[in-house]
Protein backbone atom coordinates (compact mmCIF):
# COMPACT_ATOMS: atom_id res chain seq x y z
CA MET A 1 0.00 23.62 31.07
CA PRO A 2 1.28 24.58 27.60
CA GLU A 3 -0.84 27.49 26.37
CA LEU A 4 -1.34 28.93 22.87
CA PRO A 5 2.10 30.65 22.71
CA GLU A 6 3.86 27.43 23.76
CA VAL A 7 1.95 25.45 21.15
CA GLU A 8 2.66 28.06 18.47
CA THR A 9 6.34 27.98 19.44
CA THR A 10 6.29 24.19 19.19
CA LYS A 11 4.74 24.44 15.72
CA THR A 12 7.54 26.73 14.58
CA SER A 13 10.23 24.49 16.06
CA LEU A 14 8.92 21.51 14.07
CA LYS A 15 9.49 23.20 10.70
CA PRO A 16 12.89 21.52 10.14
CA LEU A 17 10.99 18.23 9.82
CA LEU A 18 8.89 19.43 6.88
CA ASN A 19 9.35 17.33 3.73
CA LYS A 20 11.15 14.62 5.68
CA LYS A 21 10.02 11.00 5.48
CA ILE A 22 9.02 8.95 8.49
CA ALA A 23 11.15 5.84 8.85
CA THR A 24 9.53 4.34 11.96
CA VAL A 25 6.93 5.10 14.61
CA GLU A 26 7.27 3.44 18.01
CA VAL A 27 4.61 3.69 20.73
CA PHE A 28 5.75 2.86 24.26
CA GLN A 29 2.66 3.95 26.20
CA PRO A 30 -0.61 4.17 24.21
CA LYS A 31 -2.74 5.16 27.21
CA LEU A 32 -2.85 8.94 27.08
CA ARG A 33 -6.02 11.00 27.52
CA TRP A 34 -7.36 8.86 24.69
CA GLN A 35 -5.77 5.72 23.31
CA VAL A 36 -3.08 6.32 20.69
CA PRO A 37 -4.36 4.77 17.42
CA GLU A 38 -3.19 1.19 16.96
CA ASP A 39 -2.39 1.84 13.30
CA ILE A 40 -0.27 4.95 13.84
CA ASP A 41 2.72 3.01 12.52
CA SER A 42 1.02 3.19 9.10
CA LEU A 43 2.63 6.65 8.84
CA GLN A 44 5.88 4.88 7.95
CA GLY A 45 6.93 6.09 4.51
CA TYR A 46 4.81 9.25 4.64
CA VAL A 47 6.31 12.74 4.43
CA LEU A 48 5.46 15.62 6.80
CA ASP A 49 3.76 18.09 4.45
CA ASN A 50 2.30 20.84 6.66
CA ILE A 51 1.92 21.87 10.31
CA GLN A 52 -1.04 23.86 11.62
CA ARG A 53 -2.24 25.08 14.99
CA ARG A 54 -5.91 25.39 15.97
CA ALA A 55 -6.36 26.67 19.52
CA LYS A 56 -3.98 24.51 21.58
CA TYR A 57 -4.05 21.63 19.10
CA LEU A 58 -1.25 20.85 16.65
CA ILE A 59 -2.30 19.32 13.34
CA LEU A 60 0.39 17.44 11.42
CA HIS A 61 -0.44 16.75 7.76
CA PHE A 62 1.36 13.93 5.96
CA LYS A 63 1.40 12.88 2.32
CA ARG A 64 2.39 9.62 0.72
CA ASN A 65 6.01 9.60 -0.44
CA MET A 66 5.73 9.39 -4.22
CA GLN A 67 9.49 9.39 -4.79
CA SER A 68 9.59 5.76 -3.66
CA GLY A 69 7.13 4.85 -6.42
CA ILE A 70 3.77 3.11 -6.18
CA THR A 71 3.96 -0.41 -4.79
CA GLU A 72 1.34 -2.99 -3.92
CA ALA A 73 1.80 -2.03 -0.24
CA THR A 74 1.37 1.72 -0.75
CA ILE A 75 -1.42 1.77 -3.32
CA THR A 76 -3.96 0.78 -0.66
CA GLN A 77 -2.86 3.61 1.63
CA PRO A 78 -4.64 7.00 1.43
CA PRO A 79 -2.64 9.77 -0.27
CA THR A 80 -2.78 11.94 2.85
CA LYS A 81 -3.12 11.46 6.60
CA ALA A 82 -3.27 13.90 9.52
CA LEU A 83 -2.62 13.69 13.25
CA ILE A 84 -4.12 16.01 15.85
CA ILE A 85 -1.94 16.44 18.93
CA HIS A 86 -2.72 18.06 22.28
CA LEU A 87 0.07 18.50 24.81
CA GLY A 88 -2.21 18.22 27.84
CA MET A 89 -0.83 19.41 31.17
CA SER A 90 2.83 18.53 30.72
CA GLY A 91 3.39 17.25 27.18
CA SER A 92 6.10 18.35 24.78
CA LEU A 93 7.51 17.39 21.39
CA GLN A 94 11.30 17.32 21.34
CA GLN A 95 13.82 16.58 18.59
CA PHE A 96 16.96 14.52 19.16
CA PRO A 97 19.64 12.96 16.93
CA THR A 98 18.95 9.38 15.89
CA GLY A 99 20.16 6.93 18.50
CA THR A 100 19.16 9.06 21.50
CA ASP A 101 17.91 6.78 24.25
CA LYS A 102 14.26 6.77 25.23
CA ARG A 103 13.72 8.65 28.49
CA LYS A 104 11.18 8.04 31.19
CA HIS A 105 7.80 9.47 30.08
CA ASP A 106 8.69 9.31 26.37
CA HIS A 107 5.52 7.66 25.08
CA LEU A 108 6.11 7.85 21.33
CA ILE A 109 9.17 8.25 19.10
CA MET A 110 8.85 9.13 15.42
CA GLN A 111 12.03 8.57 13.42
CA TYR A 112 12.59 10.82 10.39
CA ASP A 113 15.03 10.05 7.57
CA SER A 114 17.71 12.58 6.69
CA ASP A 115 17.78 14.18 3.24
CA HIS A 116 21.47 13.62 2.72
CA ALA A 117 24.01 11.04 3.86
CA SER A 118 26.03 13.75 5.60
CA GLU A 119 23.01 15.01 7.55
CA THR A 120 22.09 13.67 10.99
CA SER A 121 18.63 12.12 11.02
CA ILE A 122 16.14 13.24 13.66
CA GLN A 123 13.81 11.43 16.02
CA LEU A 124 10.81 13.25 17.48
CA HIS A 125 9.88 12.31 21.06
CA TYR A 126 6.45 12.87 22.58
CA HIS A 127 7.20 13.38 26.29
CA ASP A 128 4.33 13.62 28.81
CA PRO A 129 4.83 12.83 32.51
CA ARG A 130 1.15 13.30 33.41
CA ARG A 131 -0.24 11.63 30.26
CA PHE A 132 -3.12 14.10 29.80
CA GLY A 133 -2.15 14.78 26.19
CA ALA A 134 -3.49 13.15 23.05
CA ILE A 135 -2.27 11.85 19.67
CA LEU A 136 -5.18 11.00 17.37
CA TRP A 137 -6.21 10.75 13.74
CA LEU A 138 -7.72 14.10 12.70
CA ASP A 139 -10.49 12.46 10.68
CA ASP A 140 -11.76 10.65 13.77
CA TYR A 141 -11.78 13.62 16.15
CA GLU A 142 -12.03 16.85 14.12
CA GLN A 143 -15.74 17.33 14.72
CA LYS A 144 -15.53 16.50 18.41
CA LEU A 145 -12.49 18.62 19.25
CA LEU A 146 -12.48 21.54 16.82
CA ALA A 147 -16.00 22.30 15.55
CA HIS A 148 -17.11 24.33 18.59
CA LEU A 149 -14.02 26.53 18.89
CA GLY A 150 -14.19 30.33 18.69
CA ALA A 151 -11.96 32.86 16.96
CA GLU A 152 -8.18 32.71 16.87
CA PRO A 153 -6.90 35.72 18.85
CA LEU A 154 -4.09 36.35 16.35
CA ASP A 155 -6.45 36.43 13.34
CA ALA A 156 -7.97 39.59 11.88
CA GLU A 157 -11.44 38.31 12.81
CA PHE A 158 -10.70 38.85 16.50
CA SER A 159 -11.38 42.45 17.55
CA GLY A 160 -13.36 44.60 19.93
CA ASP A 161 -16.30 44.46 17.53
CA TYR A 162 -16.11 40.65 17.52
CA LEU A 163 -16.20 40.55 21.34
CA TYR A 164 -19.06 43.05 21.45
CA ASP A 165 -21.03 40.93 18.98
CA LYS A 166 -20.43 37.75 21.00
CA ILE A 167 -21.23 39.35 24.35
CA HIS A 168 -24.40 41.04 23.12
CA ARG A 169 -25.27 38.00 20.94
CA ILE A 170 -25.97 40.25 17.94
CA SER A 171 -25.30 37.73 15.17
CA GLU A 172 -26.72 34.88 17.23
CA ASN A 173 -29.99 36.74 17.82
CA LYS A 174 -30.29 37.65 14.14
CA ALA A 175 -30.15 33.94 13.33
CA ARG A 176 -32.68 33.17 16.08
CA ASN A 177 -35.02 35.87 14.78
CA LYS A 178 -35.13 34.18 11.36
CA LEU A 179 -36.23 31.01 13.12
CA ASN A 180 -38.84 32.92 15.14
CA LYS A 181 -36.98 32.18 18.37
CA PRO A 182 -36.84 34.72 21.24
CA PRO A 183 -33.60 36.68 21.59
CA LEU A 184 -30.98 35.73 24.15
CA LYS A 185 -29.87 38.21 26.79
CA PRO A 186 -26.35 39.67 26.68
CA ILE A 187 -23.64 37.74 28.52
CA SER A 188 -23.31 39.02 32.09
CA ARG A 189 -20.57 36.65 33.23
CA PRO A 190 -17.27 38.18 34.44
CA ILE A 191 -15.22 39.39 31.50
CA LYS A 192 -12.31 37.18 32.52
CA ALA A 193 -14.50 34.08 32.25
CA VAL A 194 -15.69 35.22 28.81
CA ILE A 195 -12.23 35.74 27.27
CA MET A 196 -11.15 32.35 28.67
CA ASP A 197 -14.16 30.64 27.09
CA GLN A 198 -12.91 28.59 24.11
CA VAL A 199 -16.27 29.00 22.37
CA VAL A 200 -15.70 32.79 22.30
CA VAL A 201 -11.96 32.98 21.66
CA VAL A 202 -9.34 30.24 21.87
CA GLY A 203 -6.02 30.13 23.66
CA VAL A 204 -6.43 32.93 26.21
CA GLY A 205 -5.31 31.07 29.32
CA ASN A 206 -5.23 32.34 32.89
CA ILE A 207 -1.84 34.03 32.56
CA TYR A 208 -2.70 35.94 29.40
CA ALA A 209 -6.22 36.86 30.53
CA THR A 210 -4.87 38.24 33.82
CA GLU A 211 -2.15 40.28 32.14
CA SER A 212 -4.32 41.67 29.33
CA LEU A 213 -7.05 42.78 31.76
CA PHE A 214 -4.45 44.59 33.86
CA MET A 215 -3.03 46.32 30.78
CA SER A 216 -6.59 47.36 29.80
CA GLY A 217 -7.47 48.67 33.28
CA ILE A 218 -10.45 46.30 33.54
CA HIS A 219 -11.38 44.50 36.77
CA PRO A 220 -11.58 40.74 36.05
CA SER A 221 -15.04 40.40 37.61
CA THR A 222 -16.62 43.17 35.51
CA PRO A 223 -19.85 41.86 33.91
CA ALA A 224 -19.00 41.46 30.23
CA HIS A 225 -22.11 43.28 28.96
CA LYS A 226 -21.16 46.44 30.87
CA LEU A 227 -18.00 47.01 28.83
CA THR A 228 -18.12 49.49 25.95
CA ARG A 229 -16.93 48.80 22.41
CA SER A 230 -13.93 51.02 23.13
CA GLN A 231 -12.96 49.02 26.23
CA LEU A 232 -13.39 45.73 24.37
CA SER A 233 -11.32 47.03 21.47
CA GLU A 234 -8.48 47.93 23.84
CA LEU A 235 -8.78 44.53 25.53
CA ALA A 236 -8.66 42.67 22.20
CA ASP A 237 -5.57 44.67 21.18
CA HIS A 238 -3.82 43.82 24.46
CA ILE A 239 -4.72 40.12 24.19
CA ARG A 240 -3.21 39.98 20.71
CA ALA A 241 -0.12 41.96 21.72
CA ILE A 242 0.60 39.92 24.82
CA LEU A 243 0.22 36.61 22.97
CA LYS A 244 2.55 37.81 20.22
CA ARG A 245 5.10 38.89 22.81
CA ALA A 246 4.84 35.54 24.58
CA ILE A 247 5.39 33.71 21.28
CA THR A 248 8.47 35.84 20.58
CA GLN A 249 9.84 35.01 24.03
CA GLY A 250 9.04 31.32 23.76
CA GLY A 251 5.91 31.06 25.92
CA SER A 252 5.30 31.24 29.65
CA THR A 253 7.71 28.37 30.40
CA LEU A 254 5.89 26.37 33.03
CA LYS A 255 8.26 24.02 34.83
CA ASP A 256 7.48 20.92 32.75
CA PHE A 257 7.41 22.54 29.33
CA THR A 258 10.08 22.48 26.63
CA VAL A 259 9.56 23.12 22.93
CA ALA A 260 10.60 20.70 20.20
CA SER A 261 14.03 22.27 19.82
CA GLY A 262 14.72 21.87 23.54
CA ILE A 263 14.70 25.64 24.13
CA THR A 264 12.62 27.15 26.93
CA GLY A 265 11.08 30.63 26.93
CA TYR A 266 11.37 33.66 29.16
CA PHE A 267 7.91 35.24 29.13
CA GLN A 268 7.21 34.61 32.83
CA GLN A 269 10.10 36.90 33.71
CA THR A 270 8.12 39.82 32.26
CA LEU A 271 4.74 39.22 33.92
CA LEU A 272 3.19 42.29 35.54
CA VAL A 273 0.55 40.97 37.97
CA TYR A 274 0.03 37.24 37.40
CA GLY A 275 1.31 35.29 40.42
CA LYS A 276 2.21 38.50 42.29
CA HIS A 277 -0.43 38.58 45.00
CA LYS A 278 0.40 41.17 47.71
CA MET A 279 3.35 42.51 45.73
CA PRO A 280 3.32 46.21 44.67
CA CYS A 281 1.61 47.10 41.40
CA PRO A 282 4.26 47.93 38.77
CA THR A 283 2.29 51.07 37.87
CA CYS A 284 1.11 52.58 41.18
CA ASP A 285 2.67 50.46 44.00
CA THR A 286 -0.74 49.44 45.38
CA PRO A 287 -0.59 45.86 46.70
CA ILE A 288 -1.88 43.34 44.17
CA GLU A 289 -5.08 41.60 45.28
CA LYS A 290 -6.59 38.26 44.33
CA VAL A 291 -10.11 37.07 43.59
CA THR A 292 -11.39 33.68 42.43
CA ILE A 293 -13.42 33.64 39.19
CA THR A 294 -14.87 30.37 37.89
CA GLY A 295 -12.42 28.47 40.04
CA ARG A 296 -9.32 30.32 38.83
CA ALA A 297 -7.22 32.75 40.85
CA SER A 298 -7.22 36.24 39.35
CA THR A 299 -4.71 38.83 40.49
CA PHE A 300 -5.38 42.50 39.85
CA CYS A 301 -4.56 46.01 41.04
CA PRO A 302 -7.55 47.52 42.92
CA ASN A 303 -6.38 51.01 41.95
CA CYS A 304 -5.61 50.48 38.26
CA GLN A 305 -8.49 48.02 37.81
CA PRO A 306 -11.30 49.41 40.00
CA GLN A 307 -14.25 47.26 41.03
CA PRO A 308 -17.17 47.84 38.63
CA ASN A 309 -20.18 49.75 39.92
CA SER A 310 -23.12 47.47 40.67
């Protein structure tokens, strides 16, 4: 499944399409996780104005192409539109020269005009063998998909203090106190489950949670409320560092994933403990062990990440 680094890498690879006008939009299979909007072809004539990422969602902002002038057809169209895209389990956005044949599992092709006659125009393919992804109007789904999301791990807001506040519900209980509601107890779930909770922090998938906990010397099943501010600060720093490194290397490169430019990444070649059950720890040679937490396999070194005291 494409994780935050893969989605961030995809966002970067789409930048050559900025300020280019959409010539056509063709939908070949509208039945993804949710139905592709029937009026998505109304983007014809719009220009890609901005690209954002929120968690594992891409948000493509378009504006009406004013260089073509105002016509009776365009005056009824809104000045801006936005798509929200999720790549699901196996989705990808890939750029090809105009005229490239549709492949199996290409469900949408967006044709962009070139800026100059000598420049090759580009078509953007949404490719998704498992069809768990989504292409939707942002206005229709922003509240449902984005409103509940936690902090971005690459933003300044995310820190050890932020995690401590969330785990001990400090800000939440202050708000409850004003409403004369009883305080909530600190979160005692395993720390790995907490950092993979999208309401707490977004985009920390199984690979990155496993690796950052190893680098922090924290057992994945440690109750979150037992960690000190110092431990949480180190964990937050490692989460940020490992995500930045994965972005630089193009993501974890699961077998189905390719970014928009067609380039795959190399981050999986540098993993320390993820997927290395029974192999020697890269630090102390102790065999890597595995435990299941909230249905996900978690590999760890029993020596470098000792079991928490009960």
